[in-house]
């Protein structure tokens, strides 16, 4: 039985499109959620800190770091906040071509959610529709898989206008071979690995 608090857990929004969320979901949300520190505090009616992880660790982040900026953009896409997305792109807080550790860029993520205006915005700003994530999927593939026909048509139009890049696979911010231990992604897996070793 999955955690009854999952639908309201802010961790889902904070780590939108980050592969690490799947690890937490497997070990806590869909697993032994009664051991989740966030669930425990919520059950007691306490205010749950945004930087509290399910294993009870607190994660301190640099508000100016790239991974935090990318997560902010992905969160805005998740919540369908177009004005916020436009502001992030306008002030160059994050580059629309940057990707998460799975190689997914903002256009791919927006396409997977059917955010038509956001897809058009990213493409108009120069995000190349031919680029692929680590799984070899393009924004068009994500739009088709999710059944968002309006996004499919927009992306197809841009694919005709834009030439495929020489290097089609997006380069992630971090790879499994050289994860920066100071990055948000690195700290998440460092905490999880530490908790698993302690349990062992």
Foldseek 3Di string as FASTA:
>chain_A
DFDPCVVPDCQCLQCPPAPLVVVLCVPARRHVVVQFPQSVCVVVVHDRDPQAGGNGDGDDDDCLDQVNLQSVLNSCLVVLPVVVNVVCVVVCSDQQQADAQQQDGPLLSNLLVLSLVSNLVSVVVPHAQQAATNVRDGSLNSNVVNVNVSNNVSSVVSNVVDDQDPHRYGDHPDYPVDDDCRDPSNVSVVVVVVVVVVVD
